PDB file of N, CA and C in Angstrom:
ATOM      1  N   MET A   1      -0.485  13.347 -17.948  1.00  0.00           N
ATOM      2  CA  MET A   1      -1.751  13.682 -18.575  1.00  0.00           C
ATOM      3  C   MET A   1      -2.507  14.571 -17.597  1.00  0.00           C
ATOM      4  N   THR A   2      -3.084  15.622 -18.112  1.00  0.00           N
ATOM      5  CA  THR A   2      -3.868  16.498 -17.244  1.00  0.00           C
ATOM      6  C   THR A   2      -5.229  15.868 -16.987  1.00  0.00           C
ATOM      7  N   VAL A   3      -5.882  16.328 -15.935  1.00  0.00           N
ATOM      8  CA  VAL A   3      -7.222  15.837 -15.627  1.00  0.00           C
ATOM      9  C   VAL A   3      -8.158  16.137 -16.792  1.00  0.00           C
ATOM     10  N   LYS A   4      -8.022  17.317 -17.384  1.00  0.00           N
ATOM     11  CA  LYS A   4      -8.867  17.676 -18.529  1.00  0.00           C
ATOM     12  C   LYS A   4      -8.653  16.720 -19.693  1.00  0.00           C
ATOM     13  N   GLU A   5      -7.387  16.392 -19.981  1.00  0.00           N
ATOM     14  CA  GLU A   5      -7.104  15.439 -21.058  1.00  0.00           C
ATOM     15  C   GLU A   5      -7.720  14.080 -20.759  1.00  0.00           C
ATOM     16  N   ALA A   6      -7.640  13.657 -19.511  1.00  0.00           N
ATOM     17  CA  ALA A   6      -8.222  12.367 -19.129  1.00  0.00           C
ATOM     18  C   ALA A   6      -9.730  12.377 -19.314  1.00  0.00           C
ATOM     19  N   LYS A   7     -10.374  13.485 -18.934  1.00  0.00           N
ATOM     20  CA  LYS A   7     -11.824  13.604 -19.108  1.00  0.00           C
ATOM     21  C   LYS A   7     -12.196  13.612 -20.589  1.00  0.00           C
ATOM     22  N   ASP A   8     -11.422  14.354 -21.367  1.00  0.00           N
ATOM     23  CA  ASP A   8     -11.732  14.489 -22.793  1.00  0.00           C
ATOM     24  C   ASP A   8     -11.446  13.211 -23.575  1.00  0.00           C
ATOM     25  N   SER A   9     -10.519  12.406 -23.105  1.00  0.00           N
ATOM     26  CA  SER A   9     -10.132  11.197 -23.830  1.00  0.00           C
ATOM     27  C   SER A   9      -9.976  10.034 -22.857  1.00  0.00           C
ATOM     28  N   PHE A  10     -11.102   9.650 -22.272  1.00  0.00           N
ATOM     29  CA  PHE A  10     -11.103   8.606 -21.251  1.00  0.00           C
ATOM     30  C   PHE A  10     -10.509   7.297 -21.786  1.00  0.00           C
ATOM     31  N   ALA A  11     -10.869   6.920 -22.996  1.00  0.00           N
ATOM     32  CA  ALA A  11     -10.370   5.663 -23.575  1.00  0.00           C
ATOM     33  C   ALA A  11      -8.846   5.691 -23.703  1.00  0.00           C
ATOM     34  N   ARG A  12      -8.283   6.806 -24.136  1.00  0.00           N
ATOM     35  CA  ARG A  12      -6.828   6.925 -24.263  1.00  0.00           C
ATOM     36  C   ARG A  12      -6.160   6.847 -22.891  1.00  0.00           C
ATOM     37  N   MET A  13      -6.785   7.452 -21.888  1.00  0.00           N
ATOM     38  CA  MET A  13      -6.248   7.391 -20.535  1.00  0.00           C
ATOM     39  C   MET A  13      -6.218   5.956 -20.031  1.00  0.00           C
ATOM     40  N   LEU A  14      -7.294   5.207 -20.293  1.00  0.00           N
ATOM     41  CA  LEU A  14      -7.338   3.810 -19.867  1.00  0.00           C
ATOM     42  C   LEU A  14      -6.288   2.972 -20.594  1.00  0.00           C
ATOM     43  N   GLU A  15      -6.103   3.210 -21.885  1.00  0.00           N
ATOM     44  CA  GLU A  15      -5.073   2.489 -22.643  1.00  0.00           C
ATOM     45  C   GLU A  15      -3.688   2.780 -22.077  1.00  0.00           C
ATOM     46  N   THR A  16      -3.429   4.034 -21.765  1.00  0.00           N
ATOM     47  CA  THR A  16      -2.139   4.423 -21.198  1.00  0.00           C
ATOM     48  C   THR A  16      -1.946   3.773 -19.830  1.00  0.00           C
ATOM     49  N   ALA A  17      -2.988   3.756 -19.036  1.00  0.00           N
ATOM     50  CA  ALA A  17      -2.915   3.125 -17.714  1.00  0.00           C
ATOM     51  C   ALA A  17      -2.603   1.644 -17.848  1.00  0.00           C
ATOM     52  N   ASN A  18      -3.202   0.989 -18.809  1.00  0.00           N
ATOM     53  CA  ASN A  18      -2.977  -0.444 -19.022  1.00  0.00           C
ATOM     54  C   ASN A  18      -1.561  -0.750 -19.480  1.00  0.00           C
ATOM     55  N   ARG A  19      -0.929   0.186 -20.172  1.00  0.00           N
ATOM     56  CA  ARG A  19       0.436  -0.030 -20.681  1.00  0.00           C
ATOM     57  C   ARG A  19       1.500   0.260 -19.638  1.00  0.00           C
ATOM     58  N   GLY A  20       1.153   0.897 -18.557  1.00  0.00           N
ATOM     59  CA  GLY A  20       2.192   1.185 -17.569  1.00  0.00           C
ATOM     60  C   GLY A  20       1.817   2.249 -16.579  1.00  0.00           C
ATOM     61  N   GLY A  21       0.604   2.714 -16.627  1.00  0.00           N
ATOM     62  CA  GLY A  21       0.148   3.697 -15.664  1.00  0.00           C
ATOM     63  C   GLY A  21       0.193   5.103 -16.217  1.00  0.00           C
ATOM     64  N   VAL A  22      -0.615   5.918 -15.627  1.00  0.00           N
ATOM     65  CA  VAL A  22      -0.664   7.324 -16.015  1.00  0.00           C
ATOM     66  C   VAL A  22      -0.857   8.158 -14.750  1.00  0.00           C
ATOM     67  N   VAL A  23      -0.121   9.244 -14.677  1.00  0.00           N
ATOM     68  CA  VAL A  23      -0.260  10.187 -13.572  1.00  0.00           C
ATOM     69  C   VAL A  23      -1.125  11.337 -14.058  1.00  0.00           C
ATOM     70  N   LEU A  24      -2.149  11.656 -13.285  1.00  0.00           N
ATOM     71  CA  LEU A  24      -3.030  12.761 -13.637  1.00  0.00           C
ATOM     72  C   LEU A  24      -2.581  14.007 -12.880  1.00  0.00           C
ATOM     73  N   ARG A  25      -2.457  15.090 -13.626  1.00  0.00           N
ATOM     74  CA  ARG A  25      -1.979  16.357 -13.060  1.00  0.00           C
ATOM     75  C   ARG A  25      -3.065  17.412 -13.162  1.00  0.00           C
ATOM     76  N   GLU A  26      -3.096  18.255 -12.163  1.00  0.00           N
ATOM     77  CA  GLU A  26      -3.962  19.421 -12.213  1.00  0.00           C
ATOM     78  C   GLU A  26      -3.071  20.617 -11.901  1.00  0.00           C
ATOM     79  N   GLY A  27      -2.895  21.454 -12.892  1.00  0.00           N
ATOM     80  CA  GLY A  27      -1.925  22.538 -12.746  1.00  0.00           C
ATOM     81  C   GLY A  27      -0.529  21.936 -12.684  1.00  0.00           C
ATOM     82  N   ASP A  28       0.200  22.264 -11.628  1.00  0.00           N
ATOM     83  CA  ASP A  28       1.556  21.725 -11.483  1.00  0.00           C
ATOM     84  C   ASP A  28       1.625  20.637 -10.414  1.00  0.00           C
ATOM     85  N   LYS A  29       0.471  20.062 -10.076  1.00  0.00           N
ATOM     86  CA  LYS A  29       0.418  19.088  -8.990  1.00  0.00           C
ATOM     87  C   LYS A  29      -0.094  17.734  -9.476  1.00  0.00           C
ATOM     88  N   ASP A  30       0.660  16.660  -9.158  1.00  0.00           N
ATOM     89  CA  ASP A  30       0.179  15.302  -9.415  1.00  0.00           C
ATOM     90  C   ASP A  30      -0.927  15.010  -8.401  1.00  0.00           C
ATOM     91  N   ILE A  31      -2.091  14.575  -8.900  1.00  0.00           N
ATOM     92  CA  ILE A  31      -3.211  14.352  -7.975  1.00  0.00           C
ATOM     93  C   ILE A  31      -3.691  12.907  -7.914  1.00  0.00           C
ATOM     94  N   ALA A  32      -3.338  12.106  -8.912  1.00  0.00           N
ATOM     95  CA  ALA A  32      -3.792  10.713  -8.913  1.00  0.00           C
ATOM     96  C   ALA A  32      -2.948   9.905  -9.879  1.00  0.00           C
ATOM     97  N   ALA A  33      -3.001   8.593  -9.686  1.00  0.00           N
ATOM     98  CA  ALA A  33      -2.364   7.673 -10.626  1.00  0.00           C
ATOM     99  C   ALA A  33      -3.383   6.608 -10.993  1.00  0.00           C
ATOM    100  N   VAL A  34      -3.425   6.273 -12.260  1.00  0.00           N
ATOM    101  CA  VAL A  34      -4.310   5.216 -12.738  1.00  0.00           C
ATOM    102  C   VAL A  34      -3.411   4.122 -13.276  1.00  0.00           C
ATOM    103  N   VAL A  35      -3.594   2.908 -12.733  1.00  0.00           N
ATOM    104  CA  VAL A  35      -2.756   1.776 -13.133  1.00  0.00           C
ATOM    105  C   VAL A  35      -3.645   0.605 -13.528  1.00  0.00           C
ATOM    106  N   SER A  36      -3.047  -0.368 -14.180  1.00  0.00           N
ATOM    107  CA  SER A  36      -3.791  -1.562 -14.569  1.00  0.00           C
ATOM    108  C   SER A  36      -4.154  -2.372 -13.322  1.00  0.00           C
ATOM    109  N   VAL A  37      -5.097  -3.261 -13.475  1.00  0.00           N
ATOM    110  CA  VAL A  37      -5.505  -4.126 -12.372  1.00  0.00           C
ATOM    111  C   VAL A  37      -4.325  -4.978 -11.912  1.00  0.00           C
ATOM    112  N   SER A  38      -3.538  -5.500 -12.840  1.00  0.00           N
ATOM    113  CA  SER A  38      -2.402  -6.344 -12.442  1.00  0.00           C
ATOM    114  C   SER A  38      -1.370  -5.538 -11.662  1.00  0.00           C
ATOM    115  N   ASP A  39      -1.127  -4.281 -12.057  1.00  0.00           N
ATOM    116  CA  ASP A  39      -0.207  -3.437 -11.299  1.00  0.00           C
ATOM    117  C   ASP A  39      -0.768  -3.129  -9.918  1.00  0.00           C
ATOM    118  N   ALA A  40      -2.063  -2.874  -9.835  1.00  0.00           N
ATOM    119  CA  ALA A  40      -2.690  -2.602  -8.538  1.00  0.00           C
ATOM    120  C   ALA A  40      -2.565  -3.811  -7.621  1.00  0.00           C
ATOM    121  N   GLU A  41      -2.738  -5.014  -8.162  1.00  0.00           N
ATOM    122  CA  GLU A  41      -2.592  -6.234  -7.367  1.00  0.00           C
ATOM    123  C   GLU A  41      -1.153  -6.405  -6.887  1.00  0.00           C
ATOM    124  N   MET A  42      -0.183  -6.088  -7.759  1.00  0.00           N
ATOM    125  CA  MET A  42       1.225  -6.166  -7.352  1.00  0.00           C
ATOM    126  C   MET A  42       1.506  -5.200  -6.205  1.00  0.00           C
ATOM    127  N   ILE A  43       0.980  -3.991  -6.301  1.00  0.00           N
ATOM    128  CA  ILE A  43       1.170  -2.999  -5.243  1.00  0.00           C
ATOM    129  C   ILE A  43       0.539  -3.493  -3.947  1.00  0.00           C
ATOM    130  N   ARG A  44      -0.677  -4.009  -4.027  1.00  0.00           N
ATOM    131  CA  ARG A  44      -1.372  -4.517  -2.850  1.00  0.00           C
ATOM    132  C   ARG A  44      -0.595  -5.667  -2.213  1.00  0.00           C
ATOM    133  N   ASN A  45      -0.091  -6.585  -3.042  1.00  0.00           N
ATOM    134  CA  ASN A  45       0.682  -7.714  -2.519  1.00  0.00           C
ATOM    135  C   ASN A  45       1.990  -7.260  -1.892  1.00  0.00           C
ATOM    136  N   ALA A  46       2.650  -6.284  -2.506  1.00  0.00           N
ATOM    137  CA  ALA A  46       3.903  -5.762  -1.951  1.00  0.00           C
ATOM    138  C   ALA A  46       3.651  -5.125  -0.585  1.00  0.00           C
ATOM    139  N   LYS A  47       2.555  -4.391  -0.449  1.00  0.00           N
ATOM    140  CA  LYS A  47       2.220  -3.787   0.842  1.00  0.00           C
ATOM    141  C   LYS A  47       1.937  -4.862   1.878  1.00  0.00           C
ATOM    142  N   ALA A  48       1.201  -5.894   1.493  1.00  0.00           N
ATOM    143  CA  ALA A  48       0.885  -6.977   2.424  1.00  0.00           C
ATOM    144  C   ALA A  48       2.165  -7.685   2.873  1.00  0.00           C
ATOM    145  N   LEU A  49       3.074  -7.937   1.939  1.00  0.00           N
ATOM    146  CA  LEU A  49       4.344  -8.586   2.308  1.00  0.00           C
ATOM    147  C   LEU A  49       5.164  -7.702   3.242  1.00  0.00           C
ATOM    148  N   ALA A  50       5.142  -6.401   3.031  1.00  0.00           N
ATOM    149  CA  ALA A  50       5.875  -5.483   3.909  1.00  0.00           C
ATOM    150  C   ALA A  50       5.299  -5.512   5.320  1.00  0.00           C
ATOM    151  N   VAL A  51       3.977  -5.578   5.437  1.00  0.00           N
ATOM    152  CA  VAL A  51       3.342  -5.650   6.756  1.00  0.00           C
ATOM    153  C   VAL A  51       3.701  -6.967   7.445  1.00  0.00           C
ATOM    154  N   ILE A  52       3.661  -8.071   6.708  1.00  0.00           N
ATOM    155  CA  ILE A  52       4.009  -9.371   7.276  1.00  0.00           C
ATOM    156  C   ILE A  52       5.463  -9.381   7.733  1.00  0.00           C
ATOM    157  N   LYS A  53       6.346  -8.838   6.912  1.00  0.00           N
ATOM    158  CA  LYS A  53       7.763  -8.779   7.275  1.00  0.00           C
ATOM    159  C   LYS A  53       7.971  -7.955   8.541  1.00  0.00           C
ATOM    160  N   ALA A  54       7.321  -6.808   8.623  1.00  0.00           N
ATOM    161  CA  ALA A  54       7.444  -5.953   9.808  1.00  0.00           C
ATOM    162  C   ALA A  54       6.903  -6.659  11.042  1.00  0.00           C
ATOM    163  N   ARG A  55       5.774  -7.338  10.895  1.00  0.00           N
ATOM    164  CA  ARG A  55       5.200  -8.090  12.017  1.00  0.00           C
ATOM    165  C   ARG A  55       6.152  -9.161  12.495  1.00  0.00           C
ATOM    166  N   ASN A  56       6.740  -9.891  11.559  1.00  0.00           N
ATOM    167  CA  ASN A  56       7.670 -10.963  11.923  1.00  0.00           C
ATOM    168  C   ASN A  56       8.919 -10.410  12.605  1.00  0.00           C
ATOM    169  N   GLU A  57       9.418  -9.273  12.129  1.00  0.00           N
ATOM    170  CA  GLU A  57      10.588  -8.652  12.756  1.00  0.00           C
ATOM    171  C   GLU A  57      10.265  -8.188  14.170  1.00  0.00           C
ATOM    172  N   LEU A  58       9.077  -7.598  14.359  1.00  0.00           N
ATOM    173  CA  LEU A  58       8.664  -7.182  15.695  1.00  0.00           C
ATOM    174  C   LEU A  58       8.553  -8.375  16.631  1.00  0.00           C
ATOM    175  N   ALA A  59       7.965  -9.442  16.143  1.00  0.00           N
ATOM    176  CA  ALA A  59       7.815 -10.644  16.962  1.00  0.00           C
ATOM    177  C   ALA A  59       9.181 -11.220  17.327  1.00  0.00           C
ATOM    178  N   SER A  60      10.094 -11.257  16.383  1.00  0.00           N
ATOM    179  CA  SER A  60      11.440 -11.780  16.656  1.00  0.00           C
ATOM    180  C   SER A  60      12.166 -10.918  17.685  1.00  0.00           C
ATOM    181  N   ASN A  61      12.064  -9.600  17.512  1.00  0.00           N
ATOM    182  CA  ASN A  61      12.713  -8.691  18.464  1.00  0.00           C
ATOM    183  C   ASN A  61      12.120  -8.824  19.855  1.00  0.00           C
ATOM    184  N   ALA A  62      10.796  -8.924  19.932  1.00  0.00           N
ATOM    185  CA  ALA A  62      10.130  -9.074  21.225  1.00  0.00           C
ATOM    186  C   ALA A  62      10.539 -10.385  21.891  1.00  0.00           C
ATOM    187  N   GLN A  63      10.585 -11.438  21.113  1.00  0.00           N
ATOM    188  CA  GLN A  63      10.972 -12.742  21.654  1.00  0.00           C
ATOM    189  C   GLN A  63      12.438 -12.724  22.117  1.00  0.00           C
ATOM    190  N   ALA A  64      13.301 -12.080  21.346  1.00  0.00           N
ATOM    191  CA  ALA A  64      14.716 -11.991  21.720  1.00  0.00           C
ATOM    192  C   ALA A  64      14.891 -11.222  23.023  1.00  0.00           C
ATOM    193  N   LYS A  65      13.974 -10.319  23.327  1.00  0.00           N
ATOM    194  CA  LYS A  65      14.049  -9.535  24.558  1.00  0.00           C
ATOM    195  C   LYS A  65      13.279 -10.183  25.696  1.00  0.00           C
ATOM    196  N   GLY A  66      12.762 -11.386  25.457  1.00  0.00           N
ATOM    197  CA  GLY A  66      12.107 -12.140  26.523  1.00  0.00           C
ATOM    198  C   GLY A  66      10.606 -12.017  26.611  1.00  0.00           C
ATOM    199  N   LEU A  67       9.983 -11.354  25.672  1.00  0.00           N
ATOM    200  CA  LEU A  67       8.528 -11.239  25.706  1.00  0.00           C
ATOM    201  C   LEU A  67       7.918 -12.528  25.171  1.00  0.00           C
ATOM    202  N   THR A  68       7.096 -13.137  25.999  1.00  0.00           N
ATOM    203  CA  THR A  68       6.399 -14.360  25.577  1.00  0.00           C
ATOM    204  C   THR A  68       4.899 -14.068  25.484  1.00  0.00           C
ATOM    205  N   GLU A  69       4.158 -15.001  24.949  1.00  0.00           N
ATOM    206  CA  GLU A  69       2.712 -14.824  24.866  1.00  0.00           C
ATOM    207  C   GLU A  69       2.099 -14.768  26.255  1.00  0.00           C
ATOM    208  N   GLU A  70       2.662 -15.526  27.185  1.00  0.00           N
ATOM    209  CA  GLU A  70       2.155 -15.530  28.563  1.00  0.00           C
ATOM    210  C   GLU A  70       2.358 -14.161  29.217  1.00  0.00           C
ATOM    211  N   ILE A  71       3.552 -13.598  29.052  1.00  0.00           N
ATOM    212  CA  ILE A  71       3.835 -12.276  29.622  1.00  0.00           C
ATOM    213  C   ILE A  71       2.932 -11.226  28.983  1.00  0.00           C
ATOM    214  N   LEU A  72       2.773 -11.306  27.692  1.00  0.00           N
ATOM    215  CA  LEU A  72       1.908 -10.360  26.992  1.00  0.00           C
ATOM    216  C   LEU A  72       0.471 -10.481  27.489  1.00  0.00           C
ATOM    217  N   ALA A  73      -0.011 -11.697  27.699  1.00  0.00           N
ATOM    218  CA  ALA A  73      -1.373 -11.907  28.212  1.00  0.00           C
ATOM    219  C   ALA A  73      -1.512 -11.291  29.602  1.00  0.00           C
ATOM    220  N   GLU A  74      -0.494 -11.432  30.442  1.00  0.00           N
ATOM    221  CA  GLU A  74      -0.525 -10.830  31.779  1.00  0.00           C
ATOM    222  C   GLU A  74      -0.588  -9.310  31.692  1.00  0.00           C
ATOM    223  N   ILE A  75       0.224  -8.737  30.820  1.00  0.00           N
ATOM    224  CA  ILE A  75       0.246  -7.286  30.641  1.00  0.00           C
ATOM    225  C   ILE A  75      -1.126  -6.797  30.196  1.00  0.00           C
ATOM    226  N   LEU A  76      -1.697  -7.475  29.227  1.00  0.00           N
ATOM    227  CA  LEU A  76      -3.000  -7.074  28.705  1.00  0.00           C
ATOM    228  C   LEU A  76      -4.109  -7.272  29.743  1.00  0.00           C
ATOM    229  N   ALA A  77      -3.991  -8.282  30.575  1.00  0.00           N
ATOM    230  CA  ALA A  77      -5.005  -8.549  31.609  1.00  0.00           C
ATOM    231  C   ALA A  77      -4.982  -7.451  32.674  1.00  0.00           C
ATOM    232  N   GLU A  78      -3.839  -6.822  32.880  1.00  0.00           N
ATOM    233  CA  GLU A  78      -3.711  -5.772  33.893  1.00  0.00           C
ATOM    234  C   GLU A  78      -4.309  -4.454  33.423  1.00  0.00           C
ATOM    235  N   ARG A  79      -4.521  -4.298  32.138  1.00  0.00           N
ATOM    236  CA  ARG A  79      -5.050  -3.039  31.599  1.00  0.00           C
ATOM    237  C   ARG A  79      -6.546  -2.928  31.871  1.00  0.00           C
ATOM    238  N   PRO A  80      -6.998  -1.692  32.140  1.00  0.00           N
ATOM    239  CA  PRO A  80      -8.446  -1.489  32.373  1.00  0.00           C
ATOM    240  C   PRO A  80      -9.277  -1.657  31.124  1.00  0.00           C
TER     241      PRO A  80
END
Protein backbone atom coordinates (compact mmCIF):
# COMPACT_ATOMS: atom_id res chain seq x y z
CA MET A 1 0.00 0.00 0.00
CA THR A 2 1.37 3.41 -0.85
CA VAL A 3 1.57 6.14 1.76
CA LYS A 4 -1.02 8.09 -0.24
CA GLU A 5 -3.41 5.13 -0.20
CA ALA A 6 -2.93 4.77 3.54
CA LYS A 7 -3.68 8.47 4.06
CA ASP A 8 -6.71 8.36 1.79
CA SER A 9 -8.11 5.19 3.35
CA PHE A 10 -6.86 5.04 6.92
CA ALA A 11 -9.60 2.62 8.04
CA ARG A 12 -8.73 0.15 5.25
CA MET A 13 -5.05 0.38 6.17
CA LEU A 14 -5.85 -0.42 9.80
CA GLU A 15 -8.03 -3.38 8.78
CA THR A 16 -5.23 -4.71 6.58
CA ALA A 17 -2.72 -4.25 9.39
CA ASN A 18 -4.97 -6.18 11.76
CA ARG A 19 -5.27 -9.09 9.32
CA GLY A 20 -1.55 -9.56 8.88
CA GLY A 21 0.27 -6.30 8.49
CA VAL A 22 0.77 -3.81 5.75
CA VAL A 23 3.95 -2.39 4.27
CA LEU A 24 3.78 1.27 3.31
CA ARG A 25 5.69 2.27 0.20
CA GLU A 26 6.74 5.63 -1.10
CA GLY A 27 7.82 5.40 -4.70
CA ASP A 28 9.82 2.19 -4.97
CA LYS A 29 10.93 2.15 -1.34
CA ASP A 30 9.35 0.38 1.65
CA ILE A 31 9.30 2.97 4.43
CA ALA A 32 7.19 1.50 7.24
CA ALA A 33 5.20 -1.48 8.40
CA VAL A 34 1.95 -1.35 10.33
CA VAL A 35 1.07 -4.47 12.30
CA SER A 36 -1.54 -5.47 14.84
CA VAL A 37 -0.86 -5.02 18.54
CA SER A 38 -0.60 -8.80 19.01
CA ASP A 39 1.98 -9.04 16.21
CA ALA A 40 3.94 -6.14 17.71
CA GLU A 41 3.95 -7.91 21.09
CA MET A 42 5.18 -11.13 19.44
CA ILE A 43 8.00 -9.20 17.77
CA ARG A 44 8.91 -7.49 21.05
CA ASN A 45 8.91 -10.82 22.91
CA ALA A 46 11.02 -12.50 20.22
CA LYS A 47 13.59 -9.70 20.48
CA ALA A 48 13.65 -9.97 24.27
CA LEU A 49 14.16 -13.75 24.07
CA ALA A 50 17.00 -13.27 21.58
CA VAL A 51 18.72 -10.82 23.95
CA ILE A 52 18.30 -13.21 26.90
CA LYS A 53 19.66 -16.11 24.85
CA ALA A 54 22.68 -14.07 23.74
CA ARG A 55 23.33 -12.95 27.31
CA ASN A 56 23.17 -16.53 28.57
CA GLU A 57 25.53 -17.73 25.82
CA LEU A 58 28.01 -14.96 26.64
CA ALA A 59 27.86 -15.83 30.32
CA SER A 60 28.39 -19.53 29.60
CA ASN A 61 31.33 -18.81 27.31
CA ALA A 62 32.90 -16.45 29.84
CA GLN A 63 32.46 -18.97 32.63
CA ALA A 64 33.92 -21.77 30.48
CA LYS A 65 37.00 -19.58 29.94
CA GLY A 66 37.39 -18.99 33.68
CA LEU A 67 35.79 -15.59 34.11
CA THR A 68 34.08 -15.38 37.47
CA GLU A 69 32.14 -12.57 39.10
CA GLU A 70 35.09 -11.96 41.42
CA ILE A 71 37.54 -11.61 38.52
CA LEU A 72 35.13 -9.34 36.70
CA ALA A 73 34.74 -7.17 39.82
CA GLU A 74 38.54 -6.88 40.07
CA ILE A 75 38.80 -5.89 36.41
CA LEU A 76 36.10 -3.27 36.80
CA ALA A 77 37.65 -1.93 40.02
CA GLU A 78 40.94 -1.32 38.18
CA ARG A 79 39.26 0.91 35.58
CA PRO A 80 39.35 4.69 36.06
